[in-house]
Amino acid sequence: ELVNTAWAFATSGVKAPELFDGIAAAALPQLHQFNAQNFAIMSWSYAMAGVKAPSFFDAIATAALPRLSEFDAQNLVKTAWAFAKLGVDAPSFYDAIASEALPRLGEFYSQ
């Protein structure tokens, strides 16, 4: 429900920074249960809403890093885009995404 709530508010255009702060706080202890799509949509939602949450994104990077092989092309792209859009300083995470994406570029759409 946390991911869906973040997505809903991000797509609605309603500014709700306190809600996003609360979602981050509630999601932190659950990140180990996230799947690739959860990581991607949560990151994308924060970026679309323009909500910078550096410590939350650090935690997302830490939790997602060892599981990047589980990400499909779309989830890799959404996650990388979200981190870049918000200017998250995570060079090791970007490098890991690039390493994961490189051998699978044939799965990526030209969009």
Protein backbone atom coordinates (compact mmCIF):
# COMPACT_ATOMS: atom_id res chain seq x y z
CA GLU A 1 0.00 0.00 0.00
CA LEU A 2 2.89 2.41 0.63
CA VAL A 3 4.14 2.12 -2.93
CA ASN A 4 0.64 2.55 -4.34
CA THR A 5 0.02 5.59 -2.15
CA ALA A 6 3.26 7.22 -3.28
CA TRP A 7 2.40 6.47 -6.92
CA ALA A 8 -1.13 7.83 -6.56
CA PHE A 9 0.00 11.14 -5.10
CA ALA A 10 2.87 11.47 -7.57
CA THR A 11 0.56 11.00 -10.53
CA SER A 12 -2.15 13.26 -9.11
CA GLY A 13 0.13 16.27 -8.92
CA VAL A 14 -1.07 17.01 -5.39
CA LYS A 15 1.76 18.38 -3.28
CA ALA A 16 1.96 16.37 -0.09
CA PRO A 17 5.50 16.59 1.31
CA GLU A 18 4.44 15.49 4.80
CA LEU A 19 2.78 12.41 3.35
CA PHE A 20 5.94 11.51 1.43
CA ASP A 21 7.98 12.00 4.62
CA GLY A 22 5.62 9.62 6.39
CA ILE A 23 5.77 7.08 3.58
CA ALA A 24 9.57 7.10 3.74
CA ALA A 25 9.55 6.59 7.49
CA ALA A 26 7.07 3.72 7.22
CA ALA A 27 8.85 2.12 4.26
CA LEU A 28 12.36 2.12 5.73
CA PRO A 29 11.88 -0.97 7.90
CA GLN A 30 10.10 -2.72 5.03
CA LEU A 31 12.67 -2.18 2.27
CA HIS A 32 14.04 -5.70 2.71
CA GLN A 33 10.60 -6.95 1.58
CA PHE A 34 10.47 -4.79 -1.57
CA ASN A 35 10.72 -6.41 -4.96
CA ALA A 36 12.29 -4.78 -8.02
CA GLN A 37 9.04 -3.17 -9.10
CA ASN A 38 8.46 -1.74 -5.61
CA PHE A 39 11.91 -0.12 -5.62
CA ALA A 40 11.39 1.31 -9.10
CA ILE A 41 7.89 2.68 -8.52
CA MET A 42 8.73 4.12 -5.12
CA SER A 43 11.80 5.89 -6.51
CA TRP A 44 9.89 7.06 -9.58
CA SER A 45 7.07 8.42 -7.42
CA TYR A 46 9.40 10.56 -5.33
CA ALA A 47 11.07 11.90 -8.46
CA MET A 48 7.74 12.69 -10.15
CA ALA A 49 6.56 14.46 -7.01
CA GLY A 50 9.87 16.32 -6.76
CA VAL A 51 10.39 15.13 -3.21
CA LYS A 52 14.03 14.92 -2.22
CA ALA A 53 14.63 12.40 0.52
CA PRO A 54 18.40 11.77 0.61
CA SER A 55 18.47 9.37 3.54
CA PHE A 56 15.53 7.40 2.11
CA PHE A 57 17.25 7.13 -1.26
CA ASP A 58 20.47 6.04 0.45
CA ALA A 59 18.48 3.27 2.11
CA ILE A 60 16.82 2.32 -1.17
CA ALA A 61 20.21 2.11 -2.87
CA THR A 62 21.62 -0.03 -0.06
CA ALA A 63 18.64 -2.41 -0.11
CA ALA A 64 18.34 -2.61 -3.91
CA LEU A 65 22.02 -2.91 -4.78
CA PRO A 66 22.45 -6.63 -4.06
CA ARG A 67 19.19 -7.36 -5.88
CA LEU A 68 19.71 -5.47 -9.14
CA SER A 69 19.92 -8.75 -11.05
CA GLU A 70 16.22 -9.20 -10.22
CA PHE A 71 15.32 -5.93 -11.99
CA ASP A 72 14.00 -6.05 -15.53
CA ALA A 73 15.03 -3.35 -18.00
CA GLN A 74 12.09 -1.09 -17.17
CA ASN A 75 12.77 -1.24 -13.43
CA LEU A 76 16.47 -0.48 -13.94
CA VAL A 77 15.59 2.53 -16.08
CA LYS A 78 12.90 3.87 -13.75
CA THR A 79 15.18 3.57 -10.75
CA ALA A 80 18.19 5.16 -12.46
CA TRP A 81 16.01 7.97 -13.84
CA ALA A 82 14.51 8.71 -10.43
CA PHE A 83 17.89 8.87 -8.71
CA ALA A 84 19.26 11.12 -11.46
CA LYS A 85 16.17 13.35 -11.58
CA LEU A 86 16.50 14.07 -7.87
CA GLY A 87 20.27 14.51 -8.08
CA VAL A 88 20.97 11.68 -5.66
CA ASP A 89 24.71 11.30 -5.08
CA ALA A 90 25.13 7.54 -5.35
CA PRO A 91 27.99 6.81 -7.77
CA SER A 92 28.38 3.18 -6.70
CA PHE A 93 24.68 2.58 -7.25
CA TYR A 94 24.76 4.20 -10.70
CA ASP A 95 27.81 2.08 -11.57
CA ALA A 96 26.02 -1.08 -10.45
CA ILE A 97 22.94 -0.22 -12.49
CA ALA A 98 25.14 0.43 -15.54
CA SER A 99 26.95 -2.88 -15.04
CA GLU A 100 23.64 -4.69 -14.77
CA ALA A 101 22.17 -2.92 -17.81
CA LEU A 102 25.12 -3.25 -20.20
CA PRO A 103 24.83 -6.96 -21.00
CA ARG A 104 21.05 -6.64 -21.30
CA LEU A 105 20.76 -3.60 -23.57
CA GLY A 106 18.89 -5.74 -26.09
CA GLU A 107 15.97 -5.80 -23.62
CA PHE A 108 15.71 -2.01 -23.59
CA TYR A 109 13.27 -0.15 -25.80
CA SER A 110 14.50 2.73 -27.94
CA GLN A 111 12.24 5.20 -26.13
